[in-house]
Amino acid sequence: ALKRHVKIRRLYIVENERSIHSDLLERMKSESMKKNMEVRVIFEKNWVSGDISDDGAVDFGIWDHERLWVFINSNTGNHSRKARLCTKDERIRLYQSAFDANWELGKSVECIDG
């Protein structure tokens, strides 16, 4: 990833500052020290879902503005989550817009007390 100059932005959504246990804080700080990663935290009460609120998504990732993976809760089979791949430009734009808005509202991991 570093050779291809891939940049990763990871946004953790947590209930509140008290819900960030030491293992999670250590993981977030470790990730934020990587050359190609930026890490921020946003509290649930500050999350702006925009037009993706009815998707049932519990996690999502966007790659190269071309592919969107959406993870939803699932109680079927042995898996607690199902993943959907989406390549529709409009859907990707909706998720990217929601991510960007929440990224701006997020706090740098260095601002979290631990």
PDB file of N, CA and C in Angstrom:
ATOM      1  N   ALA A   1       0.820  -1.199   0.000  1.00  0.00           N
ATOM      2  CA  ALA A   1       0.000   0.000   0.000  1.00  0.00           C
ATOM      3  C   ALA A   1       0.859   1.257   0.000  1.00  0.00           C
ATOM      4  N   LEU A   2       1.939   1.242   0.766  1.00  0.00           N
ATOM      5  CA  LEU A   2       2.806   2.422   0.799  1.00  0.00           C
ATOM      6  C   LEU A   2       3.448   2.682  -0.558  1.00  0.00           C
ATOM      7  N   LYS A   3       3.844   1.622  -1.240  1.00  0.00           N
ATOM      8  CA  LYS A   3       4.487   1.779  -2.544  1.00  0.00           C
ATOM      9  C   LYS A   3       3.532   2.398  -3.566  1.00  0.00           C
ATOM     10  N   ARG A   4       2.246   2.100  -3.421  1.00  0.00           N
ATOM     11  CA  ARG A   4       1.247   2.639  -4.350  1.00  0.00           C
ATOM     12  C   ARG A   4       0.692   3.971  -3.872  1.00  0.00           C
ATOM     13  N   HIS A   5       1.225   4.487  -2.777  1.00  0.00           N
ATOM     14  CA  HIS A   5       0.805   5.771  -2.193  1.00  0.00           C
ATOM     15  C   HIS A   5      -0.664   5.760  -1.785  1.00  0.00           C
ATOM     16  N   VAL A   6      -1.126   4.611  -1.274  1.00  0.00           N
ATOM     17  CA  VAL A   6      -2.493   4.484  -0.790  1.00  0.00           C
ATOM     18  C   VAL A   6      -2.601   5.227   0.531  1.00  0.00           C
ATOM     19  N   LYS A   7      -3.657   6.011   0.667  1.00  0.00           N
ATOM     20  CA  LYS A   7      -3.914   6.706   1.917  1.00  0.00           C
ATOM     21  C   LYS A   7      -5.189   6.147   2.528  1.00  0.00           C
ATOM     22  N   ILE A   8      -5.121   5.875   3.819  1.00  0.00           N
ATOM     23  CA  ILE A   8      -6.250   5.290   4.519  1.00  0.00           C
ATOM     24  C   ILE A   8      -6.739   6.277   5.562  1.00  0.00           C
ATOM     25  N   ARG A   9      -8.043   6.524   5.550  1.00  0.00           N
ATOM     26  CA  ARG A   9      -8.668   7.335   6.600  1.00  0.00           C
ATOM     27  C   ARG A   9      -9.647   6.432   7.323  1.00  0.00           C
ATOM     28  N   ARG A  10      -9.400   6.229   8.616  1.00  0.00           N
ATOM     29  CA  ARG A  10     -10.271   5.373   9.422  1.00  0.00           C
ATOM     30  C   ARG A  10     -10.962   6.233  10.469  1.00  0.00           C
ATOM     31  N   LEU A  11     -12.273   6.109  10.509  1.00  0.00           N
ATOM     32  CA  LEU A  11     -13.090   6.885  11.444  1.00  0.00           C
ATOM     33  C   LEU A  11     -13.782   5.912  12.390  1.00  0.00           C
ATOM     34  N   TYR A  12     -13.425   5.996  13.662  1.00  0.00           N
ATOM     35  CA  TYR A  12     -14.049   5.161  14.680  1.00  0.00           C
ATOM     36  C   TYR A  12     -15.267   5.893  15.233  1.00  0.00           C
ATOM     37  N   ILE A  13     -16.380   5.187  15.315  1.00  0.00           N
ATOM     38  CA  ILE A  13     -17.605   5.742  15.894  1.00  0.00           C
ATOM     39  C   ILE A  13     -17.787   5.075  17.253  1.00  0.00           C
ATOM     40  N   VAL A  14     -17.740   5.888  18.299  1.00  0.00           N
ATOM     41  CA  VAL A  14     -17.852   5.347  19.652  1.00  0.00           C
ATOM     42  C   VAL A  14     -18.974   6.058  20.389  1.00  0.00           C
ATOM     43  N   GLU A  15     -19.500   5.392  21.416  1.00  0.00           N
ATOM     44  CA  GLU A  15     -20.619   5.964  22.171  1.00  0.00           C
ATOM     45  C   GLU A  15     -20.222   7.282  22.824  1.00  0.00           C
ATOM     46  N   ASN A  16     -19.124   7.274  23.557  1.00  0.00           N
ATOM     47  CA  ASN A  16     -18.608   8.482  24.204  1.00  0.00           C
ATOM     48  C   ASN A  16     -17.149   8.223  24.575  1.00  0.00           C
ATOM     49  N   GLU A  17     -16.510   9.221  25.131  1.00  0.00           N
ATOM     50  CA  GLU A  17     -15.086   9.075  25.439  1.00  0.00           C
ATOM     51  C   GLU A  17     -14.836   7.975  26.467  1.00  0.00           C
ATOM     52  N   ARG A  18     -15.747   7.791  27.394  1.00  0.00           N
ATOM     53  CA  ARG A  18     -15.589   6.742  28.413  1.00  0.00           C
ATOM     54  C   ARG A  18     -15.645   5.337  27.811  1.00  0.00           C
ATOM     55  N   SER A  19     -16.253   5.204  26.648  1.00  0.00           N
ATOM     56  CA  SER A  19     -16.377   3.876  26.038  1.00  0.00           C
ATOM     57  C   SER A  19     -15.120   3.452  25.277  1.00  0.00           C
ATOM     58  N   ILE A  20     -14.108   4.305  25.245  1.00  0.00           N
ATOM     59  CA  ILE A  20     -12.855   3.959  24.573  1.00  0.00           C
ATOM     60  C   ILE A  20     -11.937   3.285  25.596  1.00  0.00           C
ATOM     61  N   HIS A  21     -11.913   1.957  25.582  1.00  0.00           N
ATOM     62  CA  HIS A  21     -11.071   1.227  26.521  1.00  0.00           C
ATOM     63  C   HIS A  21      -9.611   1.290  26.069  1.00  0.00           C
ATOM     64  N   SER A  22      -8.716   0.946  26.962  1.00  0.00           N
ATOM     65  CA  SER A  22      -7.281   1.111  26.708  1.00  0.00           C
ATOM     66  C   SER A  22      -6.801   0.341  25.476  1.00  0.00           C
ATOM     67  N   ASP A  23      -7.328  -0.873  25.230  1.00  0.00           N
ATOM     68  CA  ASP A  23      -6.916  -1.647  24.052  1.00  0.00           C
ATOM     69  C   ASP A  23      -7.304  -0.939  22.756  1.00  0.00           C
ATOM     70  N   LEU A  24      -8.504  -0.395  22.741  1.00  0.00           N
ATOM     71  CA  LEU A  24      -8.964   0.320  21.552  1.00  0.00           C
ATOM     72  C   LEU A  24      -8.137   1.587  21.335  1.00  0.00           C
ATOM     73  N   LEU A  25      -7.892   2.324  22.398  1.00  0.00           N
ATOM     74  CA  LEU A  25      -7.099   3.544  22.289  1.00  0.00           C
ATOM     75  C   LEU A  25      -5.696   3.226  21.779  1.00  0.00           C
ATOM     76  N   GLU A  26      -5.105   2.166  22.293  1.00  0.00           N
ATOM     77  CA  GLU A  26      -3.767   1.758  21.842  1.00  0.00           C
ATOM     78  C   GLU A  26      -3.787   1.402  20.360  1.00  0.00           C
ATOM     79  N   ARG A  27      -4.812   0.682  19.932  1.00  0.00           N
ATOM     80  CA  ARG A  27      -4.940   0.312  18.513  1.00  0.00           C
ATOM     81  C   ARG A  27      -5.079   1.555  17.637  1.00  0.00           C
ATOM     82  N   MET A  28      -5.935   2.486  18.051  1.00  0.00           N
ATOM     83  CA  MET A  28      -6.152   3.696  17.257  1.00  0.00           C
ATOM     84  C   MET A  28      -4.874   4.523  17.164  1.00  0.00           C
ATOM     85  N   LYS A  29      -4.169   4.663  18.264  1.00  0.00           N
ATOM     86  CA  LYS A  29      -2.920   5.445  18.260  1.00  0.00           C
ATOM     87  C   LYS A  29      -1.851   4.762  17.416  1.00  0.00           C
ATOM     88  N   SER A  30      -1.798   3.447  17.492  1.00  0.00           N
ATOM     89  CA  SER A  30      -0.834   2.701  16.686  1.00  0.00           C
ATOM     90  C   SER A  30      -1.126   2.887  15.197  1.00  0.00           C
ATOM     91  N   GLU A  31      -2.402   2.805  14.823  1.00  0.00           N
ATOM     92  CA  GLU A  31      -2.781   3.000  13.421  1.00  0.00           C
ATOM     93  C   GLU A  31      -2.462   4.417  12.965  1.00  0.00           C
ATOM     94  N   SER A  32      -2.693   5.390  13.832  1.00  0.00           N
ATOM     95  CA  SER A  32      -2.479   6.795  13.440  1.00  0.00           C
ATOM     96  C   SER A  32      -1.001   7.115  13.235  1.00  0.00           C
ATOM     97  N   MET A  33      -0.115   6.280  13.762  1.00  0.00           N
ATOM     98  CA  MET A  33       1.313   6.506  13.604  1.00  0.00           C
ATOM     99  C   MET A  33       1.843   5.946  12.285  1.00  0.00           C
ATOM    100  N   LYS A  34       1.040   5.150  11.615  1.00  0.00           N
ATOM    101  CA  LYS A  34       1.460   4.609  10.323  1.00  0.00           C
ATOM    102  C   LYS A  34       1.495   5.723   9.298  1.00  0.00           C
ATOM    103  N   LYS A  35       2.446   5.637   8.405  1.00  0.00           N
ATOM    104  CA  LYS A  35       2.691   6.691   7.428  1.00  0.00           C
ATOM    105  C   LYS A  35       1.488   6.989   6.535  1.00  0.00           C
ATOM    106  N   ASN A  36       0.750   5.969   6.160  1.00  0.00           N
ATOM    107  CA  ASN A  36      -0.329   6.143   5.193  1.00  0.00           C
ATOM    108  C   ASN A  36      -1.718   6.202   5.832  1.00  0.00           C
ATOM    109  N   MET A  37      -1.790   6.321   7.177  1.00  0.00           N
ATOM    110  CA  MET A  37      -3.092   6.281   7.854  1.00  0.00           C
ATOM    111  C   MET A  37      -3.363   7.537   8.658  1.00  0.00           C
ATOM    112  N   GLU A  38      -4.592   7.968   8.567  1.00  0.00           N
ATOM    113  CA  GLU A  38      -5.107   9.012   9.448  1.00  0.00           C
ATOM    114  C   GLU A  38      -6.265   8.393  10.207  1.00  0.00           C
ATOM    115  N   VAL A  39      -6.344   8.677  11.499  1.00  0.00           N
ATOM    116  CA  VAL A  39      -7.385   8.097  12.333  1.00  0.00           C
ATOM    117  C   VAL A  39      -8.075   9.206  13.110  1.00  0.00           C
ATOM    118  N   ARG A  40      -9.389   9.166  13.105  1.00  0.00           N
ATOM    119  CA  ARG A  40     -10.185  10.097  13.890  1.00  0.00           C
ATOM    120  C   ARG A  40     -11.283   9.336  14.612  1.00  0.00           C
ATOM    121  N   VAL A  41     -11.868  10.004  15.599  1.00  0.00           N
ATOM    122  CA  VAL A  41     -12.934   9.426  16.410  1.00  0.00           C
ATOM    123  C   VAL A  41     -14.112  10.381  16.386  1.00  0.00           C
ATOM    124  N   ILE A  42     -15.310   9.823  16.281  1.00  0.00           N
ATOM    125  CA  ILE A  42     -16.516  10.640  16.375  1.00  0.00           C
ATOM    126  C   ILE A  42     -17.462   9.946  17.353  1.00  0.00           C
ATOM    127  N   PHE A  43     -18.148  10.723  18.148  1.00  0.00           N
ATOM    128  CA  PHE A  43     -19.095  10.161  19.099  1.00  0.00           C
ATOM    129  C   PHE A  43     -20.441   9.971  18.408  1.00  0.00           C
ATOM    130  N   GLU A  44     -21.141   8.908  18.793  1.00  0.00           N
ATOM    131  CA  GLU A  44     -22.410   8.559  18.154  1.00  0.00           C
ATOM    132  C   GLU A  44     -23.362   9.738  18.065  1.00  0.00           C
ATOM    133  N   LYS A  45     -23.438  10.534  19.113  1.00  0.00           N
ATOM    134  CA  LYS A  45     -24.382  11.656  19.123  1.00  0.00           C
ATOM    135  C   LYS A  45     -24.044  12.709  18.067  1.00  0.00           C
ATOM    136  N   ASN A  46     -22.802  12.718  17.579  1.00  0.00           N
ATOM    137  CA  ASN A  46     -22.380  13.702  16.577  1.00  0.00           C
ATOM    138  C   ASN A  46     -22.441  13.177  15.147  1.00  0.00           C
ATOM    139  N   TRP A  47     -22.684  11.879  15.002  1.00  0.00           N
ATOM    140  CA  TRP A  47     -22.697  11.252  13.674  1.00  0.00           C
ATOM    141  C   TRP A  47     -23.831  11.812  12.827  1.00  0.00           C
ATOM    142  N   VAL A  48     -23.511  12.180  11.607  1.00  0.00           N
ATOM    143  CA  VAL A  48     -24.494  12.673  10.646  1.00  0.00           C
ATOM    144  C   VAL A  48     -24.641  11.599   9.572  1.00  0.00           C
ATOM    145  N   SER A  49     -25.800  10.946   9.542  1.00  0.00           N
ATOM    146  CA  SER A  49     -25.963   9.816   8.618  1.00  0.00           C
ATOM    147  C   SER A  49     -26.363  10.224   7.212  1.00  0.00           C
ATOM    148  N   GLY A  50     -26.944  11.387   7.067  1.00  0.00           N
ATOM    149  CA  GLY A  50     -27.338  11.822   5.729  1.00  0.00           C
ATOM    150  C   GLY A  50     -28.301  10.858   5.082  1.00  0.00           C
ATOM    151  N   ASP A  51     -28.071  10.534   3.829  1.00  0.00           N
ATOM    152  CA  ASP A  51     -28.971   9.677   3.060  1.00  0.00           C
ATOM    153  C   ASP A  51     -28.682   8.187   3.196  1.00  0.00           C
ATOM    154  N   ILE A  52     -27.778   7.811   4.092  1.00  0.00           N
ATOM    155  CA  ILE A  52     -27.463   6.383   4.230  1.00  0.00           C
ATOM    156  C   ILE A  52     -28.086   5.779   5.487  1.00  0.00           C
ATOM    157  N   SER A  53     -28.883   6.545   6.211  1.00  0.00           N
ATOM    158  CA  SER A  53     -29.402   6.091   7.502  1.00  0.00           C
ATOM    159  C   SER A  53     -30.320   4.875   7.410  1.00  0.00           C
ATOM    160  N   ASP A  54     -30.968   4.660   6.297  1.00  0.00           N
ATOM    161  CA  ASP A  54     -31.905   3.540   6.195  1.00  0.00           C
ATOM    162  C   ASP A  54     -31.283   2.281   5.592  1.00  0.00           C
ATOM    163  N   ASP A  55     -29.981   2.280   5.396  1.00  0.00           N
ATOM    164  CA  ASP A  55     -29.299   1.128   4.789  1.00  0.00           C
ATOM    165  C   ASP A  55     -29.039  -0.016   5.750  1.00  0.00           C
ATOM    166  N   GLY A  56     -29.082   0.230   7.043  1.00  0.00           N
ATOM    167  CA  GLY A  56     -28.763  -0.801   8.017  1.00  0.00           C
ATOM    168  C   GLY A  56     -27.277  -1.087   8.121  1.00  0.00           C
ATOM    169  N   ALA A  57     -26.454  -0.206   7.591  1.00  0.00           N
ATOM    170  CA  ALA A  57     -25.006  -0.414   7.601  1.00  0.00           C
ATOM    171  C   ALA A  57     -24.447  -0.285   9.011  1.00  0.00           C
ATOM    172  N   VAL A  58     -23.539  -1.189   9.352  1.00  0.00           N
ATOM    173  CA  VAL A  58     -22.816  -1.083  10.615  1.00  0.00           C
ATOM    174  C   VAL A  58     -21.346  -0.748  10.367  1.00  0.00           C
ATOM    175  N   ASP A  59     -20.934  -0.847   9.130  1.00  0.00           N
ATOM    176  CA  ASP A  59     -19.564  -0.520   8.747  1.00  0.00           C
ATOM    177  C   ASP A  59     -19.550  -0.402   7.231  1.00  0.00           C
ATOM    178  N   PHE A  60     -18.628   0.387   6.725  1.00  0.00           N
ATOM    179  CA  PHE A  60     -18.473   0.454   5.279  1.00  0.00           C
ATOM    180  C   PHE A  60     -17.070   0.907   4.924  1.00  0.00           C
ATOM    181  N   GLY A  61     -16.655   0.600   3.718  1.00  0.00           N
ATOM    182  CA  GLY A  61     -15.354   1.020   3.212  1.00  0.00           C
ATOM    183  C   GLY A  61     -15.480   1.383   1.752  1.00  0.00           C
ATOM    184  N   ILE A  62     -14.722   2.390   1.352  1.00  0.00           N
ATOM    185  CA  ILE A  62     -14.739   2.844  -0.040  1.00  0.00           C
ATOM    186  C   ILE A  62     -13.315   2.761  -0.569  1.00  0.00           C
ATOM    187  N   TRP A  63     -13.156   2.131  -1.733  1.00  0.00           N
ATOM    188  CA  TRP A  63     -11.847   1.976  -2.342  1.00  0.00           C
ATOM    189  C   TRP A  63     -11.808   2.705  -3.674  1.00  0.00           C
ATOM    190  N   ASP A  64     -10.861   3.624  -3.795  1.00  0.00           N
ATOM    191  CA  ASP A  64     -10.583   4.333  -5.051  1.00  0.00           C
ATOM    192  C   ASP A  64     -11.809   5.017  -5.649  1.00  0.00           C
ATOM    193  N   HIS A  65     -12.759   5.370  -4.833  1.00  0.00           N
ATOM    194  CA  HIS A  65     -13.998   6.018  -5.293  1.00  0.00           C
ATOM    195  C   HIS A  65     -14.736   5.166  -6.326  1.00  0.00           C
ATOM    196  N   GLU A  66     -14.434   3.855  -6.357  1.00  0.00           N
ATOM    197  CA  GLU A  66     -15.024   2.973  -7.361  1.00  0.00           C
ATOM    198  C   GLU A  66     -15.788   1.797  -6.758  1.00  0.00           C
ATOM    199  N   ARG A  67     -15.397   1.386  -5.553  1.00  0.00           N
ATOM    200  CA  ARG A  67     -16.025   0.226  -4.935  1.00  0.00           C
ATOM    201  C   ARG A  67     -16.421   0.565  -3.506  1.00  0.00           C
ATOM    202  N   LEU A  68     -17.603   0.126  -3.153  1.00  0.00           N
ATOM    203  CA  LEU A  68     -18.145   0.356  -1.818  1.00  0.00           C
ATOM    204  C   LEU A  68     -18.521  -0.992  -1.223  1.00  0.00           C
ATOM    205  N   TRP A  69     -17.943  -1.286  -0.058  1.00  0.00           N
ATOM    206  CA  TRP A  69     -18.352  -2.470   0.697  1.00  0.00           C
ATOM    207  C   TRP A  69     -19.191  -1.985   1.851  1.00  0.00           C
ATOM    208  N   VAL A  70     -20.395  -2.523   1.970  1.00  0.00           N
ATOM    209  CA  VAL A  70     -21.289  -2.176   3.066  1.00  0.00           C
ATOM    210  C   VAL A  70     -21.516  -3.442   3.886  1.00  0.00           C
ATOM    211  N   PHE A  71     -21.278  -3.328   5.178  1.00  0.00           N
ATOM    212  CA  PHE A  71     -21.484  -4.452   6.083  1.00  0.00           C
ATOM    213  C   PHE A  71     -22.747  -4.196   6.886  1.00  0.00           C
ATOM    214  N   ILE A  72     -23.625  -5.193   6.911  1.00  0.00           N
ATOM    215  CA  ILE A  72     -24.878  -5.072   7.667  1.00  0.00           C
ATOM    216  C   ILE A  72     -24.964  -6.247   8.638  1.00  0.00           C
ATOM    217  N   ASN A  73     -25.702  -6.047   9.726  1.00  0.00           N
ATOM    218  CA  ASN A  73     -25.910  -7.133  10.686  1.00  0.00           C
ATOM    219  C   ASN A  73     -26.735  -8.222  10.033  1.00  0.00           C
ATOM    220  N   SER A  74     -26.386  -9.443  10.347  1.00  0.00           N
ATOM    221  CA  SER A  74     -27.109 -10.589   9.809  1.00  0.00           C
ATOM    222  C   SER A  74     -27.117 -11.682  10.862  1.00  0.00           C
ATOM    223  N   ASN A  75     -28.239 -12.268  11.078  1.00  0.00           N
ATOM    224  CA  ASN A  75     -28.334 -13.368  12.028  1.00  0.00           C
ATOM    225  C   ASN A  75     -28.515 -14.694  11.320  1.00  0.00           C
ATOM    226  N   THR A  76     -28.081 -14.755  10.077  1.00  0.00           N
ATOM    227  CA  THR A  76     -28.228 -15.991   9.317  1.00  0.00           C
ATOM    228  C   THR A  76     -26.905 -16.739   9.291  1.00  0.00           C
ATOM    229  N   GLY A  77     -26.981 -18.024   9.374  1.00  0.00           N
ATOM    230  CA  GLY A  77     -25.775 -18.848   9.278  1.00  0.00           C
ATOM    231  C   GLY A  77     -24.815 -18.606  10.422  1.00  0.00           C
ATOM    232  N   ASN A  78     -23.537 -18.778  10.142  1.00  0.00           N
ATOM    233  CA  ASN A  78     -22.495 -18.635  11.152  1.00  0.00           C
ATOM    234  C   ASN A  78     -21.928 -17.219  11.229  1.00  0.00           C
ATOM    235  N   HIS A  79     -22.436 -16.325  10.427  1.00  0.00           N
ATOM    236  CA  HIS A  79     -21.859 -14.985  10.354  1.00  0.00           C
ATOM    237  C   HIS A  79     -22.801 -13.961  10.979  1.00  0.00           C
ATOM    238  N   SER A  80     -22.230 -13.037  11.707  1.00  0.00           N
ATOM    239  CA  SER A  80     -23.051 -11.989  12.313  1.00  0.00           C
ATOM    240  C   SER A  80     -23.164 -10.780  11.395  1.00  0.00           C
ATOM    241  N   ARG A  81     -22.387 -10.757  10.319  1.00  0.00           N
ATOM    242  CA  ARG A  81     -22.431  -9.658   9.361  1.00  0.00           C
ATOM    243  C   ARG A  81     -22.466 -10.190   7.942  1.00  0.00           C
ATOM    244  N   LYS A  82     -23.128  -9.435   7.083  1.00  0.00           N
ATOM    245  CA  LYS A  82     -23.117  -9.723   5.656  1.00  0.00           C
ATOM    246  C   LYS A  82     -22.482  -8.520   4.965  1.00  0.00           C
ATOM    247  N   ALA A  83     -21.807  -8.775   3.879  1.00  0.00           N
ATOM    248  CA  ALA A  83     -21.180  -7.695   3.120  1.00  0.00           C
ATOM    249  C   ALA A  83     -21.822  -7.605   1.746  1.00  0.00           C
ATOM    250  N   ARG A  84     -22.017  -6.365   1.303  1.00  0.00           N
ATOM    251  CA  ARG A  84     -22.522  -6.127  -0.053  1.00  0.00           C
ATOM    252  C   ARG A  84     -21.508  -5.261  -0.783  1.00  0.00           C
ATOM    253  N   LEU A  85     -21.230  -5.616  -2.011  1.00  0.00           N
ATOM    254  CA  LEU A  85     -20.351  -4.820  -2.862  1.00  0.00           C
ATOM    255  C   LEU A  85     -21.218  -3.974  -3.775  1.00  0.00           C
ATOM    256  N   CYS A  86     -20.901  -2.701  -3.847  1.00  0.00           N
ATOM    257  CA  CYS A  86     -21.652  -1.794  -4.709  1.00  0.00           C
ATOM    258  C   CYS A  86     -20.672  -1.041  -5.602  1.00  0.00           C
ATOM    259  N   THR A  87     -21.015  -0.948  -6.871  1.00  0.00           N
ATOM    260  CA  THR A  87     -20.175  -0.194  -7.802  1.00  0.00           C
ATOM    261  C   THR A  87     -20.956   0.939  -8.466  1.00  0.00           C
ATOM    262  N   LYS A  88     -22.154   1.205  -7.986  1.00  0.00           N
ATOM    263  CA  LYS A  88     -22.974   2.278  -8.547  1.00  0.00           C
ATOM    264  C   LYS A  88     -22.464   3.625  -8.054  1.00  0.00           C
ATOM    265  N   ASP A  89     -22.162   4.504  -8.999  1.00  0.00           N
ATOM    266  CA  ASP A  89     -21.582   5.804  -8.666  1.00  0.00           C
ATOM    267  C   ASP A  89     -22.411   6.588  -7.666  1.00  0.00           C
ATOM    268  N   GLU A  90     -23.709   6.605  -7.825  1.00  0.00           N
ATOM    269  CA  GLU A  90     -24.575   7.393  -6.939  1.00  0.00           C
ATOM    270  C   GLU A  90     -24.500   6.887  -5.499  1.00  0.00           C
ATOM    271  N   ARG A  91     -24.526   5.584  -5.323  1.00  0.00           N
ATOM    272  CA  ARG A  91     -24.450   4.993  -3.974  1.00  0.00           C
ATOM    273  C   ARG A  91     -23.096   5.302  -3.338  1.00  0.00           C
ATOM    274  N   ILE A  92     -22.039   5.167  -4.118  1.00  0.00           N
ATOM    275  CA  ILE A  92     -20.692   5.463  -3.619  1.00  0.00           C
ATOM    276  C   ILE A  92     -20.606   6.929  -3.209  1.00  0.00           C
ATOM    277  N   ARG A  93     -21.166   7.825  -4.005  1.00  0.00           N
ATOM    278  CA  ARG A  93     -21.148   9.262  -3.667  1.00  0.00           C
ATOM    279  C   ARG A  93     -21.884   9.544  -2.365  1.00  0.00           C
ATOM    280  N   LEU A  94     -23.025   8.873  -2.137  1.00  0.00           N
ATOM    281  CA  LEU A  94     -23.774   9.065  -0.885  1.00  0.00           C
ATOM    282  C   LEU A  94     -22.931   8.681   0.328  1.00  0.00           C
ATOM    283  N   TYR A  95     -22.292   7.539   0.246  1.00  0.00           N
ATOM    284  CA  TYR A  95     -21.460   7.075   1.362  1.00  0.00           C
ATOM    285  C   TYR A  95     -20.219   7.956   1.524  1.00  0.00           C
ATOM    286  N   GLN A  96     -19.609   8.340   0.426  1.00  0.00           N
ATOM    287  CA  GLN A  96     -18.423   9.205   0.500  1.00  0.00           C
ATOM    288  C   GLN A  96     -18.780  10.545   1.128  1.00  0.00           C
ATOM    289  N   SER A  97     -19.926  11.072   0.757  1.00  0.00           N
ATOM    290  CA  SER A  97     -20.387  12.346   1.316  1.00  0.00           C
ATOM    291  C   SER A  97     -20.619  12.231   2.826  1.00  0.00           C
ATOM    292  N   ALA A  98     -21.254  11.143   3.255  1.00  0.00           N
ATOM    293  CA  ALA A  98     -21.484  10.925   4.688  1.00  0.00           C
ATOM    294  C   ALA A  98     -20.157  10.773   5.423  1.00  0.00           C
ATOM    295  N   PHE A  99     -19.242  10.020   4.835  1.00  0.00           N
ATOM    296  CA  PHE A  99     -17.943   9.839   5.469  1.00  0.00           C
ATOM    297  C   PHE A  99     -17.208  11.169   5.600  1.00  0.00           C
ATOM    298  N   ASP A 100     -17.158  11.921   4.513  1.00  0.00           N
ATOM    299  CA  ASP A 100     -16.433  13.197   4.529  1.00  0.00           C
ATOM    300  C   ASP A 100     -17.006  14.161   5.561  1.00  0.00           C
ATOM    301  N   ALA A 101     -18.331  14.235   5.661  1.00  0.00           N
ATOM    302  CA  ALA A 101     -18.971  15.128   6.631  1.00  0.00           C
ATOM    303  C   ALA A 101     -18.607  14.716   8.056  1.00  0.00           C
ATOM    304  N   ASN A 102     -18.623  13.428   8.334  1.00  0.00           N
ATOM    305  CA  ASN A 102     -18.304  12.941   9.674  1.00  0.00           C
ATOM    306  C   ASN A 102     -16.810  13.006   9.963  1.00  0.00           C
ATOM    307  N   TRP A 103     -16.002  12.858   8.945  1.00  0.00           N
ATOM    308  CA  TRP A 103     -14.551  12.999   9.103  1.00  0.00           C
ATOM    309  C   TRP A 103     -14.224  14.401   9.617  1.00  0.00           C
ATOM    310  N   GLU A 104     -14.879  15.386   9.053  1.00  0.00           N
ATOM    311  CA  GLU A 104     -14.644  16.773   9.479  1.00  0.00           C
ATOM    312  C   GLU A 104     -15.086  17.000  10.922  1.00  0.00           C
ATOM    313  N   LEU A 105     -16.105  16.291  11.371  1.00  0.00           N
ATOM    314  CA  LEU A 105     -16.596  16.428  12.741  1.00  0.00           C
ATOM    315  C   LEU A 105     -15.769  15.617  13.744  1.00  0.00           C
ATOM    316  N   GLY A 106     -15.023  14.650  13.253  1.00  0.00           N
ATOM    317  CA  GLY A 106     -14.258  13.760  14.126  1.00  0.00           C
ATOM    318  C   GLY A 106     -13.086  14.464  14.793  1.00  0.00           C
ATOM    319  N   LYS A 107     -12.650  13.869  15.895  1.00  0.00           N
ATOM    320  CA  LYS A 107     -11.503  14.367  16.648  1.00  0.00           C
ATOM    321  C   LYS A 107     -10.278  13.519  16.326  1.00  0.00           C
ATOM    322  N   SER A 108      -9.150  14.152  16.279  1.00  0.00           N
ATOM    323  CA  SER A 108      -7.902  13.430  16.113  1.00  0.00           C
ATOM    324  C   SER A 108      -7.715  12.502  17.301  1.00  0.00           C
ATOM    325  N   VAL A 109      -7.160  11.338  17.060  1.00  0.00           N
ATOM    326  CA  VAL A 109      -6.945  10.362  18.125  1.00  0.00           C
ATOM    327  C   VAL A 109      -6.015  10.932  19.210  1.00  0.00           C
ATOM    328  N   GLU A 110      -5.143  11.830  18.838  1.00  0.00           N
ATOM    329  CA  GLU A 110      -4.228  12.438  19.803  1.00  0.00           C
ATOM    330  C   GLU A 110      -4.976  13.309  20.813  1.00  0.00           C
ATOM    331  N   CYS A 111      -6.205  13.697  20.508  1.00  0.00           N
ATOM    332  CA  CYS A 111      -7.013  14.522  21.411  1.00  0.00           C
ATOM    333  C   CYS A 111      -7.754  13.691  22.455  1.00  0.00           C
ATOM    334  N   ILE A 112      -7.695  12.375  22.345  1.00  0.00           N
ATOM    335  CA  ILE A 112      -8.414  11.502  23.263  1.00  0.00           C
ATOM    336  C   ILE A 112      -7.526  11.219  24.473  1.00  0.00           C
ATOM    337  N   ASP A 113      -8.070  11.407  25.647  1.00  0.00           N
ATOM    338  CA  ASP A 113      -7.323  11.106  26.876  1.00  0.00           C
ATOM    339  C   ASP A 113      -7.338   9.615  27.122  1.00  0.00           C
ATOM    340  N   GLY A 114      -6.256   9.127  27.649  1.00  0.00           N
ATOM    341  CA  GLY A 114      -6.200   7.694  27.882  1.00  0.00           C
ATOM    342  C   GLY A 114      -5.530   7.316  29.100  1.00  0.00           C
TER     343      GLY A 114
END
